[in-house]
Amino acid sequence: MPKMKTKSSAKKRFKLTGSGKIKRKHAFKSHILTKKSKKRKLALTHSTLVHKADEPNIKLQLNLK
């Protein structure tokens, strides 16, 4: 049986933390930044964790058990 391939898009977007949670970056930080407040842009800079409901889907894409 062939090896399961990891989704390249998921590989680029998500990282695994030491405790096994999945880390992601915020959206809406790439363009049209002039109308967004400095506070909002700064908040979008920091990474956050993936919601618990979405974790199984992402783990499937990353071939994690």
PDB file of N, CA and C in Angstrom:
ATOM      1  N   MET A   1       0.838  -1.186   0.000  1.00  0.00           N
ATOM      2  CA  MET A   1       0.000   0.000   0.000  1.00  0.00           C
ATOM      3  C   MET A   1       0.887   1.255   0.000  1.00  0.00           C
ATOM      4  N   PRO A   2       0.563   2.247  -0.847  1.00  0.00           N
ATOM      5  CA  PRO A   2       1.425   3.434  -0.911  1.00  0.00           C
ATOM      6  C   PRO A   2       1.286   4.318   0.323  1.00  0.00           C
ATOM      7  N   LYS A   3       2.284   5.161   0.508  1.00  0.00           N
ATOM      8  CA  LYS A   3       2.265   6.078   1.646  1.00  0.00           C
ATOM      9  C   LYS A   3       1.188   7.138   1.446  1.00  0.00           C
ATOM     10  N   MET A   4       0.627   7.619   2.554  1.00  0.00           N
ATOM     11  CA  MET A   4      -0.361   8.703   2.493  1.00  0.00           C
ATOM     12  C   MET A   4       0.385  10.023   2.341  1.00  0.00           C
ATOM     13  N   LYS A   5      -0.053  10.829   1.417  1.00  0.00           N
ATOM     14  CA  LYS A   5       0.599  12.119   1.209  1.00  0.00           C
ATOM     15  C   LYS A   5      -0.044  13.190   2.083  1.00  0.00           C
ATOM     16  N   THR A   6       0.779  14.119   2.543  1.00  0.00           N
ATOM     17  CA  THR A   6       0.310  15.263   3.312  1.00  0.00           C
ATOM     18  C   THR A   6      -0.163  16.326   2.334  1.00  0.00           C
ATOM     19  N   LYS A   7      -1.253  17.022   2.670  1.00  0.00           N
ATOM     20  CA  LYS A   7      -1.722  18.124   1.835  1.00  0.00           C
ATOM     21  C   LYS A   7      -0.715  19.257   1.934  1.00  0.00           C
ATOM     22  N   SER A   8      -0.177  19.697   0.802  1.00  0.00           N
ATOM     23  CA  SER A   8       0.845  20.737   0.797  1.00  0.00           C
ATOM     24  C   SER A   8       0.326  22.045   1.371  1.00  0.00           C
ATOM     25  N   SER A   9      -0.930  22.355   1.100  1.00  0.00           N
ATOM     26  CA  SER A   9      -1.504  23.612   1.597  1.00  0.00           C
ATOM     27  C   SER A   9      -1.572  23.604   3.122  1.00  0.00           C
ATOM     28  N   ALA A  10      -1.949  22.481   3.708  1.00  0.00           N
ATOM     29  CA  ALA A  10      -2.034  22.368   5.163  1.00  0.00           C
ATOM     30  C   ALA A  10      -0.646  22.403   5.789  1.00  0.00           C
ATOM     31  N   LYS A  11       0.306  21.790   5.121  1.00  0.00           N
ATOM     32  CA  LYS A  11       1.686  21.753   5.603  1.00  0.00           C
ATOM     33  C   LYS A  11       2.252  23.165   5.747  1.00  0.00           C
ATOM     34  N   LYS A  12       1.873  24.044   4.809  1.00  0.00           N
ATOM     35  CA  LYS A  12       2.369  25.422   4.823  1.00  0.00           C
ATOM     36  C   LYS A  12       1.642  26.292   5.846  1.00  0.00           C
ATOM     37  N   ARG A  13       0.405  25.975   6.150  1.00  0.00           N
ATOM     38  CA  ARG A  13      -0.433  26.855   6.986  1.00  0.00           C
ATOM     39  C   ARG A  13      -0.422  26.530   8.472  1.00  0.00           C
ATOM     40  N   PHE A  14      -0.157  25.280   8.836  1.00  0.00           N
ATOM     41  CA  PHE A  14      -0.302  24.862  10.233  1.00  0.00           C
ATOM     42  C   PHE A  14       0.991  24.289  10.781  1.00  0.00           C
ATOM     43  N   LYS A  15       1.200  24.520  12.088  1.00  0.00           N
ATOM     44  CA  LYS A  15       2.340  23.940  12.799  1.00  0.00           C
ATOM     45  C   LYS A  15       1.800  23.253  14.053  1.00  0.00           C
ATOM     46  N   LEU A  16       2.492  22.230  14.481  1.00  0.00           N
ATOM     47  CA  LEU A  16       2.102  21.500  15.676  1.00  0.00           C
ATOM     48  C   LEU A  16       2.884  22.043  16.872  1.00  0.00           C
ATOM     49  N   THR A  17       2.200  22.281  17.985  1.00  0.00           N
ATOM     50  CA  THR A  17       2.869  22.743  19.197  1.00  0.00           C
ATOM     51  C   THR A  17       3.398  21.535  19.963  1.00  0.00           C
ATOM     52  N   GLY A  18       4.156  21.793  20.996  1.00  0.00           N
ATOM     53  CA  GLY A  18       4.731  20.712  21.791  1.00  0.00           C
ATOM     54  C   GLY A  18       3.683  19.877  22.493  1.00  0.00           C
ATOM     55  N   SER A  19       2.571  20.513  22.861  1.00  0.00           N
ATOM     56  CA  SER A  19       1.512  19.788  23.564  1.00  0.00           C
ATOM     57  C   SER A  19       0.535  19.104  22.606  1.00  0.00           C
ATOM     58  N   GLY A  20       0.775  19.222  21.289  1.00  0.00           N
ATOM     59  CA  GLY A  20      -0.059  18.525  20.313  1.00  0.00           C
ATOM     60  C   GLY A  20      -1.188  19.346  19.730  1.00  0.00           C
ATOM     61  N   LYS A  21      -1.271  20.623  20.114  1.00  0.00           N
ATOM     62  CA  LYS A  21      -2.289  21.493  19.541  1.00  0.00           C
ATOM     63  C   LYS A  21      -1.792  22.018  18.195  1.00  0.00           C
ATOM     64  N   ILE A  22      -2.712  22.563  17.401  1.00  0.00           N
ATOM     65  CA  ILE A  22      -2.349  23.053  16.067  1.00  0.00           C
ATOM     66  C   ILE A  22      -2.394  24.570  16.056  1.00  0.00           C
ATOM     67  N   LYS A  23      -1.290  25.166  15.603  1.00  0.00           N
ATOM     68  CA  LYS A  23      -1.149  26.612  15.574  1.00  0.00           C
ATOM     69  C   LYS A  23      -1.449  27.125  14.168  1.00  0.00           C
ATOM     70  N   ARG A  24      -2.060  28.307  14.075  1.00  0.00           N
ATOM     71  CA  ARG A  24      -2.367  28.909  12.779  1.00  0.00           C
ATOM     72  C   ARG A  24      -2.152  30.410  12.850  1.00  0.00           C
ATOM     73  N   LYS A  25      -2.110  31.039  11.678  1.00  0.00           N
ATOM     74  CA  LYS A  25      -2.009  32.491  11.609  1.00  0.00           C
ATOM     75  C   LYS A  25      -3.374  33.083  11.302  1.00  0.00           C
ATOM     76  N   HIS A  26      -3.541  34.362  11.627  1.00  0.00           N
ATOM     77  CA  HIS A  26      -4.803  35.043  11.354  1.00  0.00           C
ATOM     78  C   HIS A  26      -4.902  35.427   9.876  1.00  0.00           C
ATOM     79  N   ALA A  27      -6.123  35.521   9.401  1.00  0.00           N
ATOM     80  CA  ALA A  27      -6.380  35.978   8.036  1.00  0.00           C
ATOM     81  C   ALA A  27      -6.498  37.508   8.030  1.00  0.00           C
ATOM     82  N   PHE A  28      -6.678  38.085   6.869  1.00  0.00           N
ATOM     83  CA  PHE A  28      -6.918  39.531   6.681  1.00  0.00           C
ATOM     84  C   PHE A  28      -5.715  40.394   7.049  1.00  0.00           C
ATOM     85  N   LYS A  29      -4.499  39.902   6.811  1.00  0.00           N
ATOM     86  CA  LYS A  29      -3.322  40.691   7.149  1.00  0.00           C
ATOM     87  C   LYS A  29      -2.424  40.871   5.926  1.00  0.00           C
ATOM     88  N   SER A  30      -2.925  40.593   4.728  1.00  0.00           N
ATOM     89  CA  SER A  30      -2.044  40.632   3.560  1.00  0.00           C
ATOM     90  C   SER A  30      -2.153  41.911   2.736  1.00  0.00           C
ATOM     91  N   HIS A  31      -3.342  42.476   2.594  1.00  0.00           N
ATOM     92  CA  HIS A  31      -3.486  43.698   1.797  1.00  0.00           C
ATOM     93  C   HIS A  31      -4.696  44.487   2.273  1.00  0.00           C
ATOM     94  N   ILE A  32      -4.873  45.675   1.707  1.00  0.00           N
ATOM     95  CA  ILE A  32      -5.909  46.642   2.136  1.00  0.00           C
ATOM     96  C   ILE A  32      -5.751  46.924   3.637  1.00  0.00           C
ATOM     97  N   LEU A  33      -4.536  47.306   4.012  1.00  0.00           N
ATOM     98  CA  LEU A  33      -4.235  47.522   5.426  1.00  0.00           C
ATOM     99  C   LEU A  33      -4.435  48.972   5.859  1.00  0.00           C
ATOM    100  N   THR A  34      -4.657  49.876   4.904  1.00  0.00           N
ATOM    101  CA  THR A  34      -4.766  51.300   5.257  1.00  0.00           C
ATOM    102  C   THR A  34      -6.024  51.597   6.058  1.00  0.00           C
ATOM    103  N   LYS A  35      -7.093  50.891   5.792  1.00  0.00           N
ATOM    104  CA  LYS A  35      -8.354  51.170   6.493  1.00  0.00           C
ATOM    105  C   LYS A  35      -8.468  50.440   7.831  1.00  0.00           C
ATOM    106  N   LYS A  36      -7.533  49.538   8.109  1.00  0.00           N
ATOM    107  CA  LYS A  36      -7.564  48.799   9.369  1.00  0.00           C
ATOM    108  C   LYS A  36      -6.746  49.536  10.424  1.00  0.00           C
ATOM    109  N   SER A  37      -7.241  49.535  11.638  1.00  0.00           N
ATOM    110  CA  SER A  37      -6.555  50.251  12.717  1.00  0.00           C
ATOM    111  C   SER A  37      -5.257  49.534  13.098  1.00  0.00           C
ATOM    112  N   LYS A  38      -4.362  50.291  13.715  1.00  0.00           N
ATOM    113  CA  LYS A  38      -3.081  49.733  14.133  1.00  0.00           C
ATOM    114  C   LYS A  38      -3.292  48.613  15.152  1.00  0.00           C
ATOM    115  N   LYS A  39      -4.254  48.822  16.035  1.00  0.00           N
ATOM    116  CA  LYS A  39      -4.575  47.832  17.065  1.00  0.00           C
ATOM    117  C   LYS A  39      -5.037  46.518  16.428  1.00  0.00           C
ATOM    118  N   ARG A  40      -5.878  46.637  15.414  1.00  0.00           N
ATOM    119  CA  ARG A  40      -6.412  45.456  14.720  1.00  0.00           C
ATOM    120  C   ARG A  40      -5.307  44.704  13.981  1.00  0.00           C
ATOM    121  N   LYS A  41      -4.437  45.465  13.296  1.00  0.00           N
ATOM    122  CA  LYS A  41      -3.341  44.833  12.550  1.00  0.00           C
ATOM    123  C   LYS A  41      -2.357  44.138  13.489  1.00  0.00           C
ATOM    124  N   LEU A  42      -2.098  44.746  14.635  1.00  0.00           N
ATOM    125  CA  LEU A  42      -1.188  44.154  15.606  1.00  0.00           C
ATOM    126  C   LEU A  42      -1.766  42.857  16.168  1.00  0.00           C
ATOM    127  N   ALA A  43      -3.068  42.860  16.424  1.00  0.00           N
ATOM    128  CA  ALA A  43      -3.731  41.661  16.937  1.00  0.00           C
ATOM    129  C   ALA A  43      -3.695  40.531  15.906  1.00  0.00           C
ATOM    130  N   LEU A  44      -3.786  40.866  14.620  1.00  0.00           N
ATOM    131  CA  LEU A  44      -3.768  39.857  13.563  1.00  0.00           C
ATOM    132  C   LEU A  44      -2.367  39.276  13.335  1.00  0.00           C
ATOM    133  N   THR A  45      -1.344  39.975  13.824  1.00  0.00           N
ATOM    134  CA  THR A  45       0.035  39.525  13.647  1.00  0.00           C
ATOM    135  C   THR A  45       0.309  38.256  14.445  1.00  0.00           C
ATOM    136  N   HIS A  46      -0.239  38.178  15.648  1.00  0.00           N
ATOM    137  CA  HIS A  46       0.053  37.051  16.533  1.00  0.00           C
ATOM    138  C   HIS A  46      -0.685  35.791  16.080  1.00  0.00           C
ATOM    139  N   SER A  47      -0.017  34.659  16.265  1.00  0.00           N
ATOM    140  CA  SER A  47      -0.653  33.397  15.881  1.00  0.00           C
ATOM    141  C   SER A  47      -1.590  32.926  16.986  1.00  0.00           C
ATOM    142  N   THR A  48      -2.464  32.010  16.628  1.00  0.00           N
ATOM    143  CA  THR A  48      -3.452  31.490  17.576  1.00  0.00           C
ATOM    144  C   THR A  48      -3.624  29.994  17.337  1.00  0.00           C
ATOM    145  N   LEU A  49      -4.457  29.365  18.139  1.00  0.00           N
ATOM    146  CA  LEU A  49      -4.696  27.934  18.001  1.00  0.00           C
ATOM    147  C   LEU A  49      -5.932  27.668  17.153  1.00  0.00           C
ATOM    148  N   VAL A  50      -5.941  26.532  16.505  1.00  0.00           N
ATOM    149  CA  VAL A  50      -7.078  26.098  15.700  1.00  0.00           C
ATOM    150  C   VAL A  50      -8.203  25.686  16.648  1.00  0.00           C
ATOM    151  N   HIS A  51      -9.437  25.960  16.272  1.00  0.00           N
ATOM    152  CA  HIS A  51     -10.590  25.594  17.091  1.00  0.00           C
ATOM    153  C   HIS A  51     -10.687  24.076  17.190  1.00  0.00           C
ATOM    154  N   LYS A  52     -11.169  23.621  18.335  1.00  0.00           N
ATOM    155  CA  LYS A  52     -11.255  22.191  18.618  1.00  0.00           C
ATOM    156  C   LYS A  52     -12.086  21.432  17.580  1.00  0.00           C
ATOM    157  N   ALA A  53     -13.130  22.082  17.054  1.00  0.00           N
ATOM    158  CA  ALA A  53     -14.013  21.433  16.074  1.00  0.00           C
ATOM    159  C   ALA A  53     -13.302  21.201  14.746  1.00  0.00           C
ATOM    160  N   ASP A  54     -12.305  22.036  14.428  1.00  0.00           N
ATOM    161  CA  ASP A  54     -11.592  21.918  13.153  1.00  0.00           C
ATOM    162  C   ASP A  54     -10.354  21.028  13.229  1.00  0.00           C
ATOM    163  N   GLU A  55      -9.936  20.691  14.441  1.00  0.00           N
ATOM    164  CA  GLU A  55      -8.708  19.919  14.617  1.00  0.00           C
ATOM    165  C   GLU A  55      -8.703  18.564  13.909  1.00  0.00           C
ATOM    166  N   PRO A  56      -9.763  17.749  14.009  1.00  0.00           N
ATOM    167  CA  PRO A  56      -9.727  16.443  13.328  1.00  0.00           C
ATOM    168  C   PRO A  56      -9.523  16.551  11.820  1.00  0.00           C
ATOM    169  N   ASN A  57     -10.147  17.549  11.205  1.00  0.00           N
ATOM    170  CA  ASN A  57     -10.013  17.769   9.773  1.00  0.00           C
ATOM    171  C   ASN A  57      -8.580  18.083   9.385  1.00  0.00           C
ATOM    172  N   ILE A  58      -7.959  18.956  10.154  1.00  0.00           N
ATOM    173  CA  ILE A  58      -6.585  19.372   9.848  1.00  0.00           C
ATOM    174  C   ILE A  58      -5.606  18.249  10.115  1.00  0.00           C
ATOM    175  N   LYS A  59      -5.842  17.485  11.189  1.00  0.00           N
ATOM    176  CA  LYS A  59      -4.974  16.350  11.499  1.00  0.00           C
ATOM    177  C   LYS A  59      -5.040  15.311  10.391  1.00  0.00           C
ATOM    178  N   LEU A  60      -6.204  15.172   9.777  1.00  0.00           N
ATOM    179  CA  LEU A  60      -6.375  14.252   8.657  1.00  0.00           C
ATOM    180  C   LEU A  60      -5.542  14.726   7.465  1.00  0.00           C
ATOM    181  N   GLN A  61      -5.541  16.028   7.208  1.00  0.00           N
ATOM    182  CA  GLN A  61      -4.784  16.596   6.101  1.00  0.00           C
ATOM    183  C   GLN A  61      -3.276  16.502   6.334  1.00  0.00           C
ATOM    184  N   LEU A  62      -2.884  16.575   7.611  1.00  0.00           N
ATOM    185  CA  LEU A  62      -1.452  16.484   7.945  1.00  0.00           C
ATOM    186  C   LEU A  62      -1.009  15.063   8.212  1.00  0.00           C
ATOM    187  N   ASN A  63      -1.913  14.091   8.077  1.00  0.00           N
ATOM    188  CA  ASN A  63      -1.653  12.677   8.333  1.00  0.00           C
ATOM    189  C   ASN A  63      -1.166  12.432   9.745  1.00  0.00           C
ATOM    190  N   LEU A  64      -1.820  13.064  10.708  1.00  0.00           N
ATOM    191  CA  LEU A  64      -1.519  12.825  12.120  1.00  0.00           C
ATOM    192  C   LEU A  64      -2.592  11.920  12.683  1.00  0.00           C
ATOM    193  N   LYS A  65      -2.240  11.116  13.653  1.00  0.00           N
ATOM    194  CA  LYS A  65      -3.213  10.197  14.244  1.00  0.00           C
ATOM    195  C   LYS A  65      -4.101  10.918  15.228  1.00  0.00           C
TER     196      LYS A  65
END
